[in-house]
Amino acid sequence: MEISVQELKAKIDNQDDFVLIDVREKHEYDEFNIGGKLIPLGEIMSALPQLEDLKSKPIVVHCRSGKRSAMAQHLMIQSGFSDVKNLTGGVLAWMDM
């Protein structure tokens, strides 16, 4: 399941109840971010226990282009998270919007 940058912007503008997770590295996040919680892909599995209470909440994961966040999405769904969407095109698409 994917979400476009336009759909994500609408969710943010409407103040929808969802969790935004950025799976890039800290230096990438420091350069530019759209306000998500930073959990680098390499740390996502060890971070999942702290996210346990979010299993049924809508979650959007993103990275630079969508590849790393697709991996994070897959890992989260396998771990029982029910509503995880990947941002199509990632931050690159966001910056082009």
PDB file of N, CA and C in Angstrom:
ATOM      1  N   MET A   1       0.847  -1.180   0.000  1.00  0.00           N
ATOM      2  CA  MET A   1       0.000   0.000   0.000  1.00  0.00           C
ATOM      3  C   MET A   1       0.891   1.242   0.000  1.00  0.00           C
ATOM      4  N   GLU A   2       0.596   2.157  -0.888  1.00  0.00           N
ATOM      5  CA  GLU A   2       1.399   3.369  -0.992  1.00  0.00           C
ATOM      6  C   GLU A   2       0.526   4.604  -0.808  1.00  0.00           C
ATOM      7  N   ILE A   3       1.190   5.712  -0.555  1.00  0.00           N
ATOM      8  CA  ILE A   3       0.519   7.002  -0.428  1.00  0.00           C
ATOM      9  C   ILE A   3       1.328   8.012  -1.226  1.00  0.00           C
ATOM     10  N   SER A   4       0.647   8.897  -1.952  1.00  0.00           N
ATOM     11  CA  SER A   4       1.344   9.911  -2.743  1.00  0.00           C
ATOM     12  C   SER A   4       1.705  11.109  -1.865  1.00  0.00           C
ATOM     13  N   VAL A   5       2.624  11.933  -2.344  1.00  0.00           N
ATOM     14  CA  VAL A   5       2.993  13.123  -1.573  1.00  0.00           C
ATOM     15  C   VAL A   5       1.796  14.053  -1.419  1.00  0.00           C
ATOM     16  N   GLN A   6       0.926  14.112  -2.425  1.00  0.00           N
ATOM     17  CA  GLN A   6      -0.263  14.958  -2.332  1.00  0.00           C
ATOM     18  C   GLN A   6      -1.212  14.443  -1.244  1.00  0.00           C
ATOM     19  N   GLU A   7      -1.383  13.112  -1.191  1.00  0.00           N
ATOM     20  CA  GLU A   7      -2.244  12.526  -0.159  1.00  0.00           C
ATOM     21  C   GLU A   7      -1.651  12.760   1.230  1.00  0.00           C
ATOM     22  N   LEU A   8      -0.320  12.617   1.348  1.00  0.00           N
ATOM     23  CA  LEU A   8       0.328  12.854   2.639  1.00  0.00           C
ATOM     24  C   LEU A   8       0.188  14.310   3.057  1.00  0.00           C
ATOM     25  N   LYS A   9       0.390  15.237   2.128  1.00  0.00           N
ATOM     26  CA  LYS A   9       0.252  16.658   2.453  1.00  0.00           C
ATOM     27  C   LYS A   9      -1.164  16.953   2.937  1.00  0.00           C
ATOM     28  N   ALA A  10      -2.164  16.352   2.299  1.00  0.00           N
ATOM     29  CA  ALA A  10      -3.553  16.544   2.719  1.00  0.00           C
ATOM     30  C   ALA A  10      -3.766  16.008   4.142  1.00  0.00           C
ATOM     31  N   LYS A  11      -3.177  14.849   4.457  1.00  0.00           N
ATOM     32  CA  LYS A  11      -3.297  14.281   5.809  1.00  0.00           C
ATOM     33  C   LYS A  11      -2.680  15.228   6.836  1.00  0.00           C
ATOM     34  N   ILE A  12      -1.518  15.798   6.498  1.00  0.00           N
ATOM     35  CA  ILE A  12      -0.846  16.731   7.404  1.00  0.00           C
ATOM     36  C   ILE A  12      -1.687  18.000   7.559  1.00  0.00           C
ATOM     37  N   ASP A  13      -2.134  18.552   6.434  1.00  0.00           N
ATOM     38  CA  ASP A  13      -2.938  19.783   6.458  1.00  0.00           C
ATOM     39  C   ASP A  13      -4.245  19.598   7.234  1.00  0.00           C
ATOM     40  N   ASN A  14      -4.852  18.407   7.113  1.00  0.00           N
ATOM     41  CA  ASN A  14      -6.112  18.108   7.803  1.00  0.00           C
ATOM     42  C   ASN A  14      -5.897  17.683   9.254  1.00  0.00           C
ATOM     43  N   GLN A  15      -4.630  17.594   9.658  1.00  0.00           N
ATOM     44  CA  GLN A  15      -4.266  17.143  11.009  1.00  0.00           C
ATOM     45  C   GLN A  15      -4.866  15.779  11.328  1.00  0.00           C
ATOM     46  N   ASP A  16      -4.838  14.890  10.319  1.00  0.00           N
ATOM     47  CA  ASP A  16      -5.312  13.519  10.521  1.00  0.00           C
ATOM     48  C   ASP A  16      -4.471  12.849  11.602  1.00  0.00           C
ATOM     49  N   ASP A  17      -5.067  11.869  12.248  1.00  0.00           N
ATOM     50  CA  ASP A  17      -4.388  11.117  13.296  1.00  0.00           C
ATOM     51  C   ASP A  17      -3.605   9.969  12.651  1.00  0.00           C
ATOM     52  N   PHE A  18      -2.303  10.157  12.482  1.00  0.00           N
ATOM     53  CA  PHE A  18      -1.440   9.123  11.924  1.00  0.00           C
ATOM     54  C   PHE A  18      -0.023   9.369  12.417  1.00  0.00           C
ATOM     55  N   VAL A  19       0.847   8.381  12.203  1.00  0.00           N
ATOM     56  CA  VAL A  19       2.241   8.476  12.620  1.00  0.00           C
ATOM     57  C   VAL A  19       3.111   8.512  11.373  1.00  0.00           C
ATOM     58  N   LEU A  20       4.019   9.480  11.319  1.00  0.00           N
ATOM     59  CA  LEU A  20       4.949   9.616  10.194  1.00  0.00           C
ATOM     60  C   LEU A  20       6.331   9.195  10.677  1.00  0.00           C
ATOM     61  N   ILE A  21       6.920   8.210  10.000  1.00  0.00           N
ATOM     62  CA  ILE A  21       8.243   7.700  10.384  1.00  0.00           C
ATOM     63  C   ILE A  21       9.207   7.865   9.214  1.00  0.00           C
ATOM     64  N   ASP A  22      10.334   8.507   9.499  1.00  0.00           N
ATOM     65  CA  ASP A  22      11.411   8.744   8.535  1.00  0.00           C
ATOM     66  C   ASP A  22      12.481   7.685   8.779  1.00  0.00           C
ATOM     67  N   VAL A  23      12.767   6.831   7.785  1.00  0.00           N
ATOM     68  CA  VAL A  23      13.728   5.745   7.977  1.00  0.00           C
ATOM     69  C   VAL A  23      15.095   6.045   7.364  1.00  0.00           C
ATOM     70  N   ARG A  24      15.337   7.319   7.046  1.00  0.00           N
ATOM     71  CA  ARG A  24      16.653   7.703   6.521  1.00  0.00           C
ATOM     72  C   ARG A  24      17.661   7.782   7.671  1.00  0.00           C
ATOM     73  N   GLU A  25      18.896   8.113   7.333  1.00  0.00           N
ATOM     74  CA  GLU A  25      19.938   8.282   8.348  1.00  0.00           C
ATOM     75  C   GLU A  25      19.844   9.683   8.950  1.00  0.00           C
ATOM     76  N   LYS A  26      20.441   9.864  10.126  1.00  0.00           N
ATOM     77  CA  LYS A  26      20.341  11.129  10.851  1.00  0.00           C
ATOM     78  C   LYS A  26      20.845  12.310  10.024  1.00  0.00           C
ATOM     79  N   HIS A  27      21.964  12.142   9.314  1.00  0.00           N
ATOM     80  CA  HIS A  27      22.500  13.266   8.532  1.00  0.00           C
ATOM     81  C   HIS A  27      21.536  13.679   7.414  1.00  0.00           C
ATOM     82  N   GLU A  28      20.800  12.719   6.855  1.00  0.00           N
ATOM     83  CA  GLU A  28      19.804  13.047   5.833  1.00  0.00           C
ATOM     84  C   GLU A  28      18.636  13.808   6.468  1.00  0.00           C
ATOM     85  N   TYR A  29      18.221  13.340   7.629  1.00  0.00           N
ATOM     86  CA  TYR A  29      17.124  13.970   8.366  1.00  0.00           C
ATOM     87  C   TYR A  29      17.497  15.398   8.753  1.00  0.00           C
ATOM     88  N   ASP A  30      18.747  15.583   9.187  1.00  0.00           N
ATOM     89  CA  ASP A  30      19.209  16.921   9.582  1.00  0.00           C
ATOM     90  C   ASP A  30      19.234  17.885   8.407  1.00  0.00           C
ATOM     91  N   GLU A  31      19.503  17.383   7.201  1.00  0.00           N
ATOM     92  CA  GLU A  31      19.536  18.233   6.005  1.00  0.00           C
ATOM     93  C   GLU A  31      18.146  18.714   5.611  1.00  0.00           C
ATOM     94  N   PHE A  32      17.170  17.800   5.659  1.00  0.00           N
ATOM     95  CA  PHE A  32      15.798  18.137   5.271  1.00  0.00           C
ATOM     96  C   PHE A  32      14.867  17.071   5.832  1.00  0.00           C
ATOM     97  N   ASN A  33      13.777  17.510   6.481  1.00  0.00           N
ATOM     98  CA  ASN A  33      12.791  16.540   6.943  1.00  0.00           C
ATOM     99  C   ASN A  33      11.401  17.156   6.877  1.00  0.00           C
ATOM    100  N   ILE A  34      10.411  16.287   6.863  1.00  0.00           N
ATOM    101  CA  ILE A  34       9.024  16.758   6.784  1.00  0.00           C
ATOM    102  C   ILE A  34       8.293  16.539   8.105  1.00  0.00           C
ATOM    103  N   GLY A  35       9.063  16.349   9.168  1.00  0.00           N
ATOM    104  CA  GLY A  35       8.474  16.309  10.498  1.00  0.00           C
ATOM    105  C   GLY A  35       8.220  14.939  11.078  1.00  0.00           C
ATOM    106  N   GLY A  36       8.673  13.902  10.417  1.00  0.00           N
ATOM    107  CA  GLY A  36       8.441  12.559  10.936  1.00  0.00           C
ATOM    108  C   GLY A  36       9.384  12.183  12.067  1.00  0.00           C
ATOM    109  N   LYS A  37       9.052  11.104  12.741  1.00  0.00           N
ATOM    110  CA  LYS A  37       9.908  10.542  13.789  1.00  0.00           C
ATOM    111  C   LYS A  37      11.041   9.799  13.095  1.00  0.00           C
ATOM    112  N   LEU A  38      12.275  10.119  13.450  1.00  0.00           N
ATOM    113  CA  LEU A  38      13.437   9.488  12.821  1.00  0.00           C
ATOM    114  C   LEU A  38      13.718   8.128  13.453  1.00  0.00           C
ATOM    115  N   ILE A  39      13.605   7.083  12.645  1.00  0.00           N
ATOM    116  CA  ILE A  39      14.021   5.728  13.032  1.00  0.00           C
ATOM    117  C   ILE A  39      14.723   5.142  11.808  1.00  0.00           C
ATOM    118  N   PRO A  40      16.055   5.258  11.729  1.00  0.00           N
ATOM    119  CA  PRO A  40      16.767   4.736  10.555  1.00  0.00           C
ATOM    120  C   PRO A  40      16.431   3.263  10.297  1.00  0.00           C
ATOM    121  N   LEU A  41      16.413   2.887   9.032  1.00  0.00           N
ATOM    122  CA  LEU A  41      16.036   1.524   8.642  1.00  0.00           C
ATOM    123  C   LEU A  41      16.818   0.478   9.429  1.00  0.00           C
ATOM    124  N   GLY A  42      18.108   0.703   9.634  1.00  0.00           N
ATOM    125  CA  GLY A  42      18.926  -0.256  10.362  1.00  0.00           C
ATOM    126  C   GLY A  42      18.522  -0.432  11.810  1.00  0.00           C
ATOM    127  N   GLU A  43      17.717   0.481  12.334  1.00  0.00           N
ATOM    128  CA  GLU A  43      17.279   0.416  13.735  1.00  0.00           C
ATOM    129  C   GLU A  43      15.800   0.059  13.871  1.00  0.00           C
ATOM    130  N   ILE A  44      15.114  -0.132  12.751  1.00  0.00           N
ATOM    131  CA  ILE A  44      13.657  -0.296  12.803  1.00  0.00           C
ATOM    132  C   ILE A  44      13.248  -1.541  13.596  1.00  0.00           C
ATOM    133  N   MET A  45      13.939  -2.658  13.411  1.00  0.00           N
ATOM    134  CA  MET A  45      13.554  -3.880  14.123  1.00  0.00           C
ATOM    135  C   MET A  45      13.719  -3.724  15.633  1.00  0.00           C
ATOM    136  N   SER A  46      14.795  -3.080  16.058  1.00  0.00           N
ATOM    137  CA  SER A  46      14.999  -2.908  17.506  1.00  0.00           C
ATOM    138  C   SER A  46      14.060  -1.854  18.081  1.00  0.00           C
ATOM    139  N   ALA A  47      13.509  -0.978  17.220  1.00  0.00           N
ATOM    140  CA  ALA A  47      12.589   0.068  17.686  1.00  0.00           C
ATOM    141  C   ALA A  47      11.138  -0.417  17.768  1.00  0.00           C
ATOM    142  N   LEU A  48      10.830  -1.515  17.111  1.00  0.00           N
ATOM    143  CA  LEU A  48       9.441  -1.980  17.048  1.00  0.00           C
ATOM    144  C   LEU A  48       8.801  -2.219  18.416  1.00  0.00           C
ATOM    145  N   PRO A  49       9.527  -2.768  19.402  1.00  0.00           N
ATOM    146  CA  PRO A  49       8.874  -2.932  20.715  1.00  0.00           C
ATOM    147  C   PRO A  49       8.375  -1.610  21.308  1.00  0.00           C
ATOM    148  N   GLN A  50       9.088  -0.502  21.069  1.00  0.00           N
ATOM    149  CA  GLN A  50       8.640   0.794  21.587  1.00  0.00           C
ATOM    150  C   GLN A  50       7.428   1.325  20.802  1.00  0.00           C
ATOM    151  N   LEU A  51       7.190   0.773  19.625  1.00  0.00           N
ATOM    152  CA  LEU A  51       6.078   1.220  18.779  1.00  0.00           C
ATOM    153  C   LEU A  51       4.853   0.309  18.908  1.00  0.00           C
ATOM    154  N   GLU A  52       4.919  -0.645  19.822  1.00  0.00           N
ATOM    155  CA  GLU A  52       3.879  -1.660  19.993  1.00  0.00           C
ATOM    156  C   GLU A  52       2.473  -1.065  20.095  1.00  0.00           C
ATOM    157  N   ASP A  53       2.325   0.057  20.803  1.00  0.00           N
ATOM    158  CA  ASP A  53       0.997   0.659  20.984  1.00  0.00           C
ATOM    159  C   ASP A  53       0.477   1.331  19.716  1.00  0.00           C
ATOM    160  N   LEU A  54       1.290   1.369  18.656  1.00  0.00           N
ATOM    161  CA  LEU A  54       0.875   1.991  17.387  1.00  0.00           C
ATOM    162  C   LEU A  54       0.442   0.950  16.354  1.00  0.00           C
ATOM    163  N   LYS A  55       0.397  -0.324  16.739  1.00  0.00           N
ATOM    164  CA  LYS A  55       0.142  -1.394  15.768  1.00  0.00           C
ATOM    165  C   LYS A  55      -1.137  -1.215  14.960  1.00  0.00           C
ATOM    166  N   SER A  56      -2.167  -0.627  15.541  1.00  0.00           N
ATOM    167  CA  SER A  56      -3.427  -0.474  14.811  1.00  0.00           C
ATOM    168  C   SER A  56      -3.628   0.950  14.287  1.00  0.00           C
ATOM    169  N   LYS A  57      -2.663   1.842  14.540  1.00  0.00           N
ATOM    170  CA  LYS A  57      -2.769   3.223  14.048  1.00  0.00           C
ATOM    171  C   LYS A  57      -2.281   3.320  12.603  1.00  0.00           C
ATOM    172  N   PRO A  58      -2.802   4.286  11.843  1.00  0.00           N
ATOM    173  CA  PRO A  58      -2.256   4.505  10.501  1.00  0.00           C
ATOM    174  C   PRO A  58      -0.823   5.038  10.603  1.00  0.00           C
ATOM    175  N   ILE A  59       0.078   4.435   9.832  1.00  0.00           N
ATOM    176  CA  ILE A  59       1.484   4.828   9.826  1.00  0.00           C
ATOM    177  C   ILE A  59       1.909   5.081   8.387  1.00  0.00           C
ATOM    178  N   VAL A  60       2.680   6.152   8.181  1.00  0.00           N
ATOM    179  CA  VAL A  60       3.289   6.426   6.878  1.00  0.00           C
ATOM    180  C   VAL A  60       4.797   6.402   7.097  1.00  0.00           C
ATOM    181  N   VAL A  61       5.496   5.580   6.306  1.00  0.00           N
ATOM    182  CA  VAL A  61       6.957   5.535   6.370  1.00  0.00           C
ATOM    183  C   VAL A  61       7.519   6.173   5.104  1.00  0.00           C
ATOM    184  N   HIS A  62       8.655   6.849   5.259  1.00  0.00           N
ATOM    185  CA  HIS A  62       9.282   7.449   4.082  1.00  0.00           C
ATOM    186  C   HIS A  62      10.792   7.478   4.221  1.00  0.00           C
ATOM    187  N   CYS A  63      11.450   7.609   3.067  1.00  0.00           N
ATOM    188  CA  CYS A  63      12.902   7.743   3.018  1.00  0.00           C
ATOM    189  C   CYS A  63      13.223   8.732   1.894  1.00  0.00           C
ATOM    190  N   ARG A  64      14.368   8.593   1.289  1.00  0.00           N
ATOM    191  CA  ARG A  64      14.762   9.527   0.235  1.00  0.00           C
ATOM    192  C   ARG A  64      13.937   9.296  -1.041  1.00  0.00           C
ATOM    193  N   SER A  65      13.852   8.017  -1.472  1.00  0.00           N
ATOM    194  CA  SER A  65      13.180   7.736  -2.741  1.00  0.00           C
ATOM    195  C   SER A  65      12.046   6.716  -2.649  1.00  0.00           C
ATOM    196  N   GLY A  66      11.934   6.033  -1.533  1.00  0.00           N
ATOM    197  CA  GLY A  66      10.875   5.045  -1.362  1.00  0.00           C
ATOM    198  C   GLY A  66      11.352   3.615  -1.224  1.00  0.00           C
ATOM    199  N   LYS A  67      12.638   3.351  -1.471  1.00  0.00           N
ATOM    200  CA  LYS A  67      13.143   1.970  -1.403  1.00  0.00           C
ATOM    201  C   LYS A  67      13.331   1.495   0.038  1.00  0.00           C
ATOM    202  N   ARG A  68      14.040   2.283   0.838  1.00  0.00           N
ATOM    203  CA  ARG A  68      14.265   1.884   2.235  1.00  0.00           C
ATOM    204  C   ARG A  68      12.943   1.830   3.002  1.00  0.00           C
ATOM    205  N   SER A  69      12.065   2.786   2.730  1.00  0.00           N
ATOM    206  CA  SER A  69      10.786   2.788   3.449  1.00  0.00           C
ATOM    207  C   SER A  69       9.917   1.608   3.025  1.00  0.00           C
ATOM    208  N   ALA A  70      10.067   1.121   1.788  1.00  0.00           N
ATOM    209  CA  ALA A  70       9.337  -0.087   1.369  1.00  0.00           C
ATOM    210  C   ALA A  70       9.819  -1.281   2.186  1.00  0.00           C
ATOM    211  N   MET A  71      11.125  -1.345   2.474  1.00  0.00           N
ATOM    212  CA  MET A  71      11.658  -2.423   3.312  1.00  0.00           C
ATOM    213  C   MET A  71      11.121  -2.296   4.740  1.00  0.00           C
ATOM    214  N   ALA A  72      11.108  -1.059   5.268  1.00  0.00           N
ATOM    215  CA  ALA A  72      10.593  -0.822   6.620  1.00  0.00           C
ATOM    216  C   ALA A  72       9.117  -1.204   6.691  1.00  0.00           C
ATOM    217  N   GLN A  73       8.362  -0.826   5.663  1.00  0.00           N
ATOM    218  CA  GLN A  73       6.936  -1.162   5.607  1.00  0.00           C
ATOM    219  C   GLN A  73       6.751  -2.680   5.671  1.00  0.00           C
ATOM    220  N   HIS A  74       7.518  -3.405   4.882  1.00  0.00           N
ATOM    221  CA  HIS A  74       7.439  -4.867   4.854  1.00  0.00           C
ATOM    222  C   HIS A  74       7.741  -5.454   6.240  1.00  0.00           C
ATOM    223  N   LEU A  75       8.806  -4.980   6.880  1.00  0.00           N
ATOM    224  CA  LEU A  75       9.185  -5.475   8.207  1.00  0.00           C
ATOM    225  C   LEU A  75       8.097  -5.186   9.236  1.00  0.00           C
ATOM    226  N   MET A  76       7.513  -3.994   9.162  1.00  0.00           N
ATOM    227  CA  MET A  76       6.474  -3.614  10.122  1.00  0.00           C
ATOM    228  C   MET A  76       5.213  -4.455   9.939  1.00  0.00           C
ATOM    229  N   ILE A  77       4.816  -4.678   8.696  1.00  0.00           N
ATOM    230  CA  ILE A  77       3.622  -5.488   8.428  1.00  0.00           C
ATOM    231  C   ILE A  77       3.857  -6.922   8.906  1.00  0.00           C
ATOM    232  N   GLN A  78       5.058  -7.453   8.652  1.00  0.00           N
ATOM    233  CA  GLN A  78       5.387  -8.801   9.128  1.00  0.00           C
ATOM    234  C   GLN A  78       5.356  -8.879  10.656  1.00  0.00           C
ATOM    235  N   SER A  79       5.596  -7.739  11.306  1.00  0.00           N
ATOM    236  CA  SER A  79       5.620  -7.698  12.770  1.00  0.00           C
ATOM    237  C   SER A  79       4.248  -7.373  13.371  1.00  0.00           C
ATOM    238  N   GLY A  80       3.211  -7.333  12.525  1.00  0.00           N
ATOM    239  CA  GLY A  80       1.857  -7.185  13.041  1.00  0.00           C
ATOM    240  C   GLY A  80       1.255  -5.791  12.962  1.00  0.00           C
ATOM    241  N   PHE A  81       1.947  -4.848  12.342  1.00  0.00           N
ATOM    242  CA  PHE A  81       1.372  -3.509  12.159  1.00  0.00           C
ATOM    243  C   PHE A  81       0.379  -3.594  11.018  1.00  0.00           C
ATOM    244  N   SER A  82      -0.834  -3.080  11.245  1.00  0.00           N
ATOM    245  CA  SER A  82      -1.928  -3.351  10.307  1.00  0.00           C
ATOM    246  C   SER A  82      -2.114  -2.309   9.203  1.00  0.00           C
ATOM    247  N   ASP A  83      -1.646  -1.074   9.404  1.00  0.00           N
ATOM    248  CA  ASP A  83      -1.931  -0.007   8.439  1.00  0.00           C
ATOM    249  C   ASP A  83      -0.673   0.824   8.199  1.00  0.00           C
ATOM    250  N   VAL A  84       0.238   0.287   7.371  1.00  0.00           N
ATOM    251  CA  VAL A  84       1.501   0.968   7.086  1.00  0.00           C
ATOM    252  C   VAL A  84       1.561   1.290   5.599  1.00  0.00           C
ATOM    253  N   LYS A  85       1.695   2.577   5.294  1.00  0.00           N
ATOM    254  CA  LYS A  85       1.786   3.009   3.895  1.00  0.00           C
ATOM    255  C   LYS A  85       3.181   3.565   3.627  1.00  0.00           C
ATOM    256  N   ASN A  86       3.668   3.338   2.414  1.00  0.00           N
ATOM    257  CA  ASN A  86       4.971   3.832   1.974  1.00  0.00           C
ATOM    258  C   ASN A  86       4.759   5.078   1.114  1.00  0.00           C
ATOM    259  N   LEU A  87       5.527   6.129   1.383  1.00  0.00           N
ATOM    260  CA  LEU A  87       5.414   7.358   0.598  1.00  0.00           C
ATOM    261  C   LEU A  87       6.079   7.164  -0.761  1.00  0.00           C
ATOM    262  N   THR A  88       5.281   7.205  -1.813  1.00  0.00           N
ATOM    263  CA  THR A  88       5.775   7.032  -3.172  1.00  0.00           C
ATOM    264  C   THR A  88       6.760   8.145  -3.525  1.00  0.00           C
ATOM    265  N   GLY A  89       7.972   7.756  -3.897  1.00  0.00           N
ATOM    266  CA  GLY A  89       8.975   8.741  -4.323  1.00  0.00           C
ATOM    267  C   GLY A  89       9.722   9.413  -3.186  1.00  0.00           C
ATOM    268  N   GLY A  90       9.295   9.183  -1.955  1.00  0.00           N
ATOM    269  CA  GLY A  90       9.990   9.702  -0.778  1.00  0.00           C
ATOM    270  C   GLY A  90      10.161  11.213  -0.744  1.00  0.00           C
ATOM    271  N   VAL A  91      11.215  11.633  -0.055  1.00  0.00           N
ATOM    272  CA  VAL A  91      11.495  13.059   0.126  1.00  0.00           C
ATOM    273  C   VAL A  91      11.775  13.739  -1.216  1.00  0.00           C
ATOM    274  N   LEU A  92      12.378  12.999  -2.150  1.00  0.00           N
ATOM    275  CA  LEU A  92      12.639  13.586  -3.472  1.00  0.00           C
ATOM    276  C   LEU A  92      11.340  14.041  -4.129  1.00  0.00           C
ATOM    277  N   ALA A  93      10.302  13.207  -4.045  1.00  0.00           N
ATOM    278  CA  ALA A  93       8.996  13.555  -4.618  1.00  0.00           C
ATOM    279  C   ALA A  93       8.381  14.704  -3.838  1.00  0.00           C
ATOM    280  N   TRP A  94       8.558  14.710  -2.510  1.00  0.00           N
ATOM    281  CA  TRP A  94       8.020  15.788  -1.667  1.00  0.00           C
ATOM    282  C   TRP A  94       8.623  17.131  -2.091  1.00  0.00           C
ATOM    283  N   MET A  95       9.926  17.142  -2.315  1.00  0.00           N
ATOM    284  CA  MET A  95      10.616  18.387  -2.681  1.00  0.00           C
ATOM    285  C   MET A  95      10.224  18.862  -4.077  1.00  0.00           C
ATOM    286  N   ASP A  96       9.787  17.938  -4.930  1.00  0.00           N
ATOM    287  CA  ASP A  96       9.357  18.282  -6.295  1.00  0.00           C
ATOM    288  C   ASP A  96       7.902  18.753  -6.344  1.00  0.00           C
ATOM    289  N   MET A  97       7.177  18.578  -5.246  1.00  0.00           N
ATOM    290  CA  MET A  97       5.743  18.876  -5.237  1.00  0.00           C
ATOM    291  C   MET A  97       5.494  20.366  -5.431  1.00  0.00           C
TER     292      MET A  97
END
